[in-house]
Protein backbone atom coordinates (compact mmCIF):
# COMPACT_ATOMS: atom_id res chain seq x y z
CA MET A 1 21.13 -5.76 3.75
CA THR A 2 17.74 -7.40 3.98
CA THR A 3 14.66 -5.20 5.38
CA HIS A 4 11.82 -7.13 6.78
CA ILE A 5 8.33 -5.84 7.30
CA GLU A 6 5.19 -7.23 8.21
CA VAL A 7 1.35 -6.19 7.41
CA GLY A 8 -0.94 -7.24 9.90
CA LEU A 9 -4.59 -7.76 9.29
CA PRO A 10 -7.41 -9.02 10.91
CA ALA A 11 -7.35 -12.06 8.66
CA ARG A 12 -3.93 -12.77 8.26
CA ARG A 13 -0.26 -11.45 7.60
CA TYR A 14 1.99 -11.23 4.66
CA PRO A 15 5.50 -10.21 4.91
CA ILE A 16 7.14 -7.15 2.80
CA THR A 17 11.08 -7.85 1.91
CA ILE A 18 13.41 -5.47 0.82
CA GLY A 19 17.17 -5.96 -0.24
CA THR A 20 19.40 -7.27 -3.11
CA GLY A 21 19.28 -10.41 -5.07
CA LEU A 22 15.58 -11.43 -4.12
CA LEU A 23 14.56 -12.59 -7.46
CA ASP A 24 17.11 -15.08 -7.55
CA THR A 25 17.29 -16.59 -4.29
CA ALA A 26 13.68 -17.79 -3.96
CA ASP A 27 13.38 -17.10 -0.25
CA TRP A 28 9.89 -16.49 -0.81
CA ARG A 29 9.03 -20.00 -2.36
CA ASP A 30 6.53 -20.59 0.25
CA ALA A 31 4.32 -17.83 -0.42
CA ILE A 32 3.24 -20.05 -3.55
CA ARG A 33 0.88 -22.91 -2.27
CA GLY A 34 -0.33 -24.81 -5.37
CA ARG A 35 0.85 -26.58 -8.53
CA HIS A 36 0.52 -23.47 -10.77
CA ALA A 37 2.12 -20.07 -10.95
CA LEU A 38 1.78 -17.69 -13.65
CA ILE A 39 4.26 -14.98 -13.97
CA VAL A 40 2.74 -11.48 -15.13
CA SER A 41 5.10 -8.95 -16.49
CA ASP A 42 4.87 -6.43 -19.33
CA SER A 43 7.16 -5.40 -22.53
CA ASN A 44 9.35 -3.67 -20.92
CA VAL A 45 10.04 -5.32 -17.76
CA ALA A 46 9.79 -9.23 -19.31
CA PRO A 47 12.92 -9.26 -21.24
CA LEU A 48 15.04 -8.12 -18.12
CA TYR A 49 13.96 -10.29 -15.38
CA ALA A 50 11.18 -12.61 -16.38
CA ARG A 51 13.75 -15.39 -17.01
CA ARG A 52 15.46 -14.84 -13.69
CA LEU A 53 12.16 -15.40 -11.93
CA VAL A 54 11.39 -18.49 -14.11
CA ASP A 55 15.15 -20.18 -13.18
CA ALA A 56 14.80 -19.35 -9.27
CA LEU A 57 11.29 -21.23 -9.26
CA ALA A 58 12.98 -24.22 -11.24
CA ARG A 59 15.58 -24.31 -8.81
CA ALA A 60 13.51 -24.21 -5.70
CA SER A 61 10.37 -26.16 -7.07
CA GLY A 62 11.88 -28.87 -9.43
CA ASP A 63 9.01 -30.58 -11.16
CA THR A 64 6.61 -29.95 -8.50
CA LEU A 65 5.36 -26.44 -10.13
CA HIS A 66 3.74 -25.55 -13.49
CA CYS A 67 5.01 -22.31 -14.22
CA ALA A 68 3.96 -20.21 -17.28
CA THR A 69 4.79 -16.60 -18.26
CA LEU A 70 2.33 -14.01 -19.69
CA THR A 71 3.70 -10.70 -21.40
CA LEU A 72 1.27 -7.48 -21.40
CA ALA A 73 1.63 -4.61 -23.38
CA ALA A 74 3.38 -1.83 -20.83
CA GLY A 75 1.86 1.47 -19.88
CA GLU A 76 -1.21 2.97 -18.13
CA ALA A 77 -3.03 2.78 -21.39
CA HIS A 78 -3.37 -0.87 -21.51
CA LYS A 79 -4.45 -1.23 -17.85
CA ASN A 80 -8.15 -2.37 -19.12
CA LEU A 81 -10.34 -5.25 -18.65
CA ASP A 82 -8.65 -6.53 -21.94
CA ALA A 83 -5.51 -6.89 -20.21
CA ALA A 84 -7.07 -8.55 -17.43
CA MET A 85 -8.94 -11.19 -19.94
CA GLN A 86 -5.17 -12.16 -21.35
CA ILE A 87 -4.38 -13.32 -17.95
CA PHE A 88 -7.70 -15.42 -17.63
CA ASP A 89 -6.92 -16.97 -20.88
CA ALA A 90 -3.37 -17.68 -19.65
CA LEU A 91 -4.76 -19.09 -16.30
CA ALA A 92 -7.38 -21.37 -18.50
CA GLN A 93 -4.36 -22.48 -20.40
CA LEU A 94 -2.11 -23.33 -17.45
CA GLY A 95 -5.10 -25.40 -15.74
CA ALA A 96 -4.83 -22.95 -12.68
CA THR A 97 -7.13 -24.35 -9.77
CA ARG A 98 -7.93 -22.49 -7.11
CA ASP A 99 -4.56 -22.97 -5.18
CA ALA A 100 -3.00 -21.28 -8.28
CA CYS A 101 -0.70 -18.24 -7.88
CA ILE A 102 0.09 -15.15 -9.95
CA LEU A 103 3.46 -13.33 -9.83
CA ALA A 104 3.24 -9.74 -10.65
CA LEU A 105 6.44 -8.64 -12.09
CA GLY A 106 6.63 -4.89 -12.67
CA GLY A 107 5.59 -1.68 -12.10
CA GLY A 108 2.19 -0.53 -10.64
CA VAL A 109 0.16 -1.02 -13.66
CA VAL A 110 1.15 -4.98 -13.80
CA GLY A 111 0.61 -5.13 -10.14
CA ASP A 112 -2.91 -3.62 -10.19
CA ILE A 113 -3.90 -5.60 -13.33
CA ALA A 114 -2.25 -8.92 -11.84
CA GLY A 115 -3.81 -8.34 -8.50
CA PHE A 116 -7.40 -7.68 -10.29
CA ALA A 117 -7.06 -10.94 -12.19
CA ALA A 118 -6.03 -12.77 -8.86
CA ALA A 119 -9.20 -11.37 -7.17
CA CYS A 120 -11.37 -12.57 -9.81
CA TRP A 121 -10.23 -16.16 -10.80
CA MET A 122 -12.07 -18.75 -9.12
CA ARG A 123 -13.47 -15.93 -6.89
CA GLY A 124 -10.00 -15.45 -5.51
CA ILE A 125 -6.73 -16.79 -5.88
CA ASP A 126 -3.14 -16.13 -4.20
CA PHE A 127 -0.90 -13.42 -5.65
CA VAL A 128 2.62 -12.17 -5.05
CA GLN A 129 4.25 -8.74 -5.69
CA PHE A 130 7.65 -8.32 -7.47
CA PRO A 131 7.61 -4.34 -7.83
CA THR A 132 10.35 -3.30 -10.11
CA THR A 133 9.58 0.67 -10.14
CA LEU A 134 10.39 2.94 -7.06
CA LEU A 135 6.30 3.78 -7.05
CA ALA A 136 5.40 -0.12 -7.05
CA MET A 137 7.90 -0.65 -4.27
CA VAL A 138 6.64 2.27 -1.94
CA ASP A 139 3.11 2.51 -2.59
CA SER A 140 1.18 0.14 -4.95
CA SER A 141 2.53 -3.30 -4.03
CA VAL A 142 1.77 -2.86 -0.29
CA GLY A 143 -1.78 -2.78 0.56
CA GLY A 144 -4.24 -4.71 -1.64
CA LYS A 145 -5.86 -2.56 -4.06
CA THR A 146 -6.00 -4.10 -7.76
CA GLY A 147 -8.10 -2.99 -10.68
CA VAL A 148 -8.09 -1.50 -13.94
CA ASP A 149 -9.16 1.58 -15.67
CA HIS A 150 -12.12 2.82 -17.61
CA ALA A 151 -12.73 5.22 -20.32
CA ALA A 152 -14.78 7.07 -17.30
CA GLY A 153 -12.14 7.36 -14.72
CA LYS A 154 -8.99 5.41 -13.39
CA ASN A 155 -9.18 2.34 -11.24
CA LEU A 156 -13.04 2.56 -11.36
CA ILE A 157 -13.34 -1.43 -11.57
CA GLY A 158 -11.34 -3.08 -8.99
CA ALA A 159 -11.22 -5.27 -5.46
CA PHE A 160 -9.58 -5.35 -2.34
CA HIS A 161 -7.31 -8.32 -2.61
CA GLN A 162 -4.07 -8.76 -0.51
CA PRO A 163 -1.11 -10.14 -1.97
CA ARG A 164 0.57 -13.29 0.12
CA ALA A 165 3.92 -11.39 -0.38
CA VAL A 166 5.84 -8.62 -1.30
CA VAL A 167 9.26 -9.06 -2.64
CA ALA A 168 11.14 -5.96 -3.47
CA ASP A 169 14.38 -6.36 -5.18
CA LEU A 170 16.24 -3.36 -5.16
CA ASP A 171 18.62 -4.18 -8.02
CA THR A 172 15.63 -4.16 -10.42
CA LEU A 173 15.97 -0.30 -9.81
CA ALA A 174 19.21 0.04 -12.10
CA THR A 175 17.21 -0.37 -15.31
CA LEU A 176 14.48 1.71 -14.42
CA PRO A 177 14.50 5.02 -16.44
CA GLU A 178 15.36 8.07 -15.20
CA ARG A 179 11.24 9.37 -15.46
CA GLU A 180 10.17 6.44 -13.97
CA LEU A 181 12.26 6.98 -11.17
CA ARG A 182 11.70 10.75 -10.36
CA ALA A 183 7.85 9.63 -10.95
CA GLY A 184 8.41 7.22 -7.98
CA LEU A 185 9.95 9.95 -5.64
CA ALA A 186 6.34 11.78 -5.94
CA GLU A 187 4.93 8.68 -3.90
CA VAL A 188 7.73 9.02 -1.23
CA VAL A 189 7.01 12.97 -1.02
CA LYS A 190 3.59 11.85 -0.47
CA THR A 191 4.18 9.54 2.18
CA ALA A 192 6.09 12.51 4.30
CA CYS A 193 3.49 15.18 3.14
CA ILE A 194 0.50 12.83 4.72
CA GLY A 195 2.13 12.44 8.34
CA ASP A 196 6.01 12.48 9.01
CA ALA A 197 7.24 15.91 8.50
CA ALA A 198 10.75 14.62 10.14
CA PHE A 199 10.93 12.49 6.64
CA PHE A 200 10.01 15.69 4.59
CA ALA A 201 13.34 17.39 6.00
CA TRP A 202 15.20 13.79 5.49
CA LEU A 203 13.92 14.15 1.61
CA GLU A 204 15.38 17.57 1.32
CA ALA A 205 18.55 16.71 2.72
CA ASN A 206 19.14 14.07 0.58
CA ALA A 207 17.35 15.25 -2.44
CA ASP A 208 20.69 14.37 -4.52
CA ALA A 209 21.38 10.98 -3.15
CA LEU A 210 18.04 9.68 -4.45
CA LEU A 211 18.41 11.02 -7.52
CA ALA A 212 21.94 9.43 -7.64
CA ARG A 213 20.41 6.17 -7.01
CA ASP A 214 22.45 5.78 -3.77
CA ALA A 215 21.39 2.26 -2.30
CA THR A 216 21.57 3.24 1.00
CA ALA A 217 19.03 5.97 0.55
CA LEU A 218 16.60 4.29 -1.44
CA ALA A 219 16.64 1.47 0.75
CA HIS A 220 15.48 3.66 3.45
CA ALA A 221 12.99 5.74 1.75
CA ILE A 222 11.30 2.40 0.51
CA ALA A 223 11.34 1.19 3.84
CA THR A 224 10.09 4.38 5.79
CA CYS A 225 6.94 4.11 3.12
CA CYS A 226 6.43 0.76 3.25
CA ARG A 227 6.27 0.91 7.28
CA PHE A 228 4.35 3.82 7.04
CA LYS A 229 1.93 2.59 4.73
CA ALA A 230 1.82 -0.77 6.28
CA GLY A 231 0.67 0.64 9.61
CA VAL A 232 -2.31 2.71 7.67
CA VAL A 233 -3.46 -0.43 5.90
CA GLU A 234 -3.53 -2.58 9.40
CA ARG A 235 -5.60 -0.04 10.91
CA ASP A 236 -8.02 0.29 7.97
CA GLU A 237 -7.88 -2.17 5.17
CA ARG A 238 -10.80 -0.93 3.36
CA GLU A 239 -10.34 2.86 3.37
CA THR A 240 -13.35 3.33 5.43
CA GLY A 241 -11.34 6.31 6.91
CA GLU A 242 -7.61 6.95 7.64
CA ARG A 243 -6.28 4.91 4.52
CA ALA A 244 -7.90 7.69 2.68
CA LEU A 245 -5.25 10.15 3.43
CA LEU A 246 -2.70 8.14 1.23
CA ASN A 247 -4.92 9.70 -1.99
CA PHE A 248 -3.23 13.07 -1.12
CA GLY A 249 -2.85 14.56 -4.35
CA HIS A 250 -4.77 11.53 -6.52
CA THR A 251 -8.20 13.21 -6.88
CA PHE A 252 -6.43 16.08 -9.14
CA GLY A 253 -3.70 13.59 -10.14
CA HIS A 254 -6.36 10.88 -11.28
CA ALA A 255 -8.41 13.50 -13.32
CA ILE A 256 -5.61 15.00 -14.94
CA GLU A 257 -4.61 11.25 -15.92
CA THR A 258 -8.15 10.38 -17.16
CA ALA A 259 -8.22 14.00 -19.39
CA THR A 260 -5.28 13.08 -20.97
CA GLY A 261 -5.90 9.86 -21.90
CA TYR A 262 -3.52 7.97 -19.64
CA ASP A 263 -0.57 8.65 -21.99
CA ALA A 264 0.80 12.13 -21.51
CA LEU A 265 1.70 11.66 -17.79
CA LEU A 266 3.23 9.02 -15.64
CA HIS A 267 1.28 8.55 -12.54
CA GLY A 268 3.83 9.73 -10.19
CA GLU A 269 3.92 13.01 -12.33
CA ALA A 270 0.17 13.46 -12.12
CA VAL A 271 0.32 12.76 -8.66
CA ALA A 272 2.73 15.80 -7.78
CA ILE A 273 0.64 17.84 -9.90
CA GLY A 274 -2.13 16.86 -7.54
CA MET A 275 -0.36 17.11 -4.42
CA LEU A 276 0.49 20.59 -5.15
CA LEU A 277 -3.08 21.73 -6.54
CA ALA A 278 -4.38 20.59 -2.84
CA ALA A 279 -1.86 21.90 -0.98
CA ARG A 280 -2.53 25.71 -2.80
CA LEU A 281 -6.43 24.63 -2.16
CA SER A 282 -5.28 24.20 1.64
CA THR A 283 -3.92 27.34 1.62
CA ARG A 284 -6.97 29.32 0.06
CA LEU A 285 -9.34 27.47 2.78
CA GLY A 286 -7.40 28.95 5.11
CA MET A 287 -6.22 25.51 6.44
CA SER A 288 -2.27 26.20 6.15
CA ALA A 289 0.28 28.47 5.12
CA ASP A 290 1.57 29.16 1.90
CA ALA A 291 5.01 28.42 3.33
CA ASP A 292 4.27 24.80 3.07
CA ALA A 293 2.74 24.63 -0.27
CA LYS A 294 5.96 26.34 -1.55
CA ARG A 295 8.47 24.37 0.18
CA LEU A 296 6.71 21.31 -1.63
CA GLN A 297 6.59 22.78 -4.82
CA ALA A 298 10.88 23.26 -4.26
CA LEU A 299 11.15 19.91 -3.60
CA LEU A 300 8.83 18.66 -6.07
CA GLN A 301 10.92 20.59 -8.75
CA ARG A 302 14.06 19.56 -7.11
CA PHE A 303 13.26 16.06 -8.37
CA ASP A 304 12.31 17.82 -11.63
CA LEU A 305 8.21 16.73 -10.98
CA PRO A 306 5.89 18.63 -13.20
CA VAL A 307 3.63 21.07 -11.03
CA ALA A 308 1.41 22.92 -13.10
CA ILE A 309 -1.53 21.43 -15.30
CA PRO A 310 -0.54 20.26 -18.76
CA PRO A 311 -1.83 22.70 -21.47
CA GLY A 312 -5.56 22.18 -23.08
CA LEU A 313 -7.05 20.98 -19.82
CA ASP A 314 -9.44 23.21 -18.10
CA ALA A 315 -10.97 23.33 -14.80
CA ASN A 316 -14.47 22.47 -15.74
CA GLY A 317 -13.46 19.31 -17.30
CA LEU A 318 -11.21 18.10 -14.63
CA LEU A 319 -13.86 18.81 -12.21
CA ALA A 320 -16.22 16.41 -14.11
CA HIS A 321 -13.58 13.40 -13.75
CA MET A 322 -13.09 14.18 -9.97
CA ARG A 323 -17.07 13.85 -9.04
CA LEU A 324 -16.41 10.65 -10.19
CA ASP A 325 -13.99 9.73 -7.64
CA LYS A 326 -14.55 6.47 -5.38
CA LYS A 327 -13.88 8.96 -2.11
CA ASN A 328 -16.57 11.49 -3.16
CA ARG A 329 -19.87 10.92 -0.74
CA ALA A 330 -23.36 12.00 -1.59
CA GLY A 331 -22.53 13.91 -4.79
CA ALA A 332 -20.03 16.08 -2.92
CA LEU A 333 -16.19 16.57 -3.27
CA ARG A 334 -14.12 14.69 -0.56
CA LEU A 335 -10.70 15.64 -1.13
CA ILE A 336 -7.41 14.80 0.76
CA LEU A 337 -5.92 18.25 1.95
CA TRP A 338 -3.47 19.04 4.91
CA ARG A 339 -2.79 21.58 7.70
CA GLY A 340 0.64 21.63 6.84
CA MET A 341 3.71 19.62 6.25
CA GLY A 342 2.81 15.97 7.72
CA ARG A 343 -1.15 16.67 8.85
CA ALA A 344 -3.48 15.55 6.15
CA GLU A 345 -7.31 15.23 6.88
CA ILE A 346 -10.25 14.32 4.65
CA ALA A 347 -12.27 17.55 4.07
CA GLU A 348 -16.03 16.78 3.49
CA GLY A 349 -18.27 18.97 0.97
CA VAL A 350 -15.26 20.93 -0.34
CA ASP A 351 -16.96 24.08 -2.59
CA GLU A 352 -16.25 23.55 -6.12
CA ALA A 353 -15.59 27.05 -6.76
CA ALA A 354 -12.71 27.28 -4.43
CA VAL A 355 -11.45 23.87 -6.36
CA ARG A 356 -11.74 25.71 -9.50
CA THR A 357 -10.04 28.71 -8.67
CA ALA A 358 -7.03 26.57 -6.85
CA MET A 359 -6.59 24.76 -10.63
CA SER A 360 -6.96 28.07 -12.25
């Protein structure tokens, strides 16, 4: 069964397609408008799926499309301007003009780098997201946030650049390492935390099925998250208001990732810790009941996700990274907290002493 979801923006609309066998069918071929296509993948994913994408393009396009493949080093530690420059070099070698298209085949790191390169090449070319991780399918592939990391912080260099289409082939989850699957479930939990208490209850009831990679359960979770995010992006494409809620747990999580050099934790693992810190801070500020934080912790632990700041990190160091977060205004911390399950909100000018205590 294939699910179709549409993201409707003021300038244009684009489809999200969720199903099986999508890499091979090339039903998405119309998203590529020009004569040049560059498949960008990484050293983990390219050996598994790049050839299938190349063959699908050849069957659908014949000699009308000039296609090349670039394989980047895998991992968040390589999400930087050097990787983007490799894409620019590959585009130049391909002779890519303004009607070229980048196909981002991989997880969130590949999607972010490839989308950023697409936003920059000739001031903006098309790209299509082919997410191969659960985290990318439910979150990073949708909404047009692209970018690379800087030593001072995560995603500090980037652009809003919407894809032409998102194609989530569930077959790729079969080769996803267990740790990556669990990290993706953190972003699924986030969706429930910020705006869908009923979905959180569904996750509690279906945790075992999700961990067992039950196709029906995974398809439902992915579609639910994509519909929710599509709605938020439609109402606030450039994150001037509501879209900031999607960062629940991320300010803490990004600080942890930066402090550990982007190689100790997966993004979803850092977000899991960050969500629980945000929930505990909400309790300390009198915004929510402690029972909600404990319920969140129980589900995260059921998914075998970390719930504590890694040893060796201190609150003051993490706060220094949090002050560089893009959501902050006028030098004051701006965090996403909650009033309980499914009721997230933007908290302005959060007291740093309370944040420090929550992290201690």
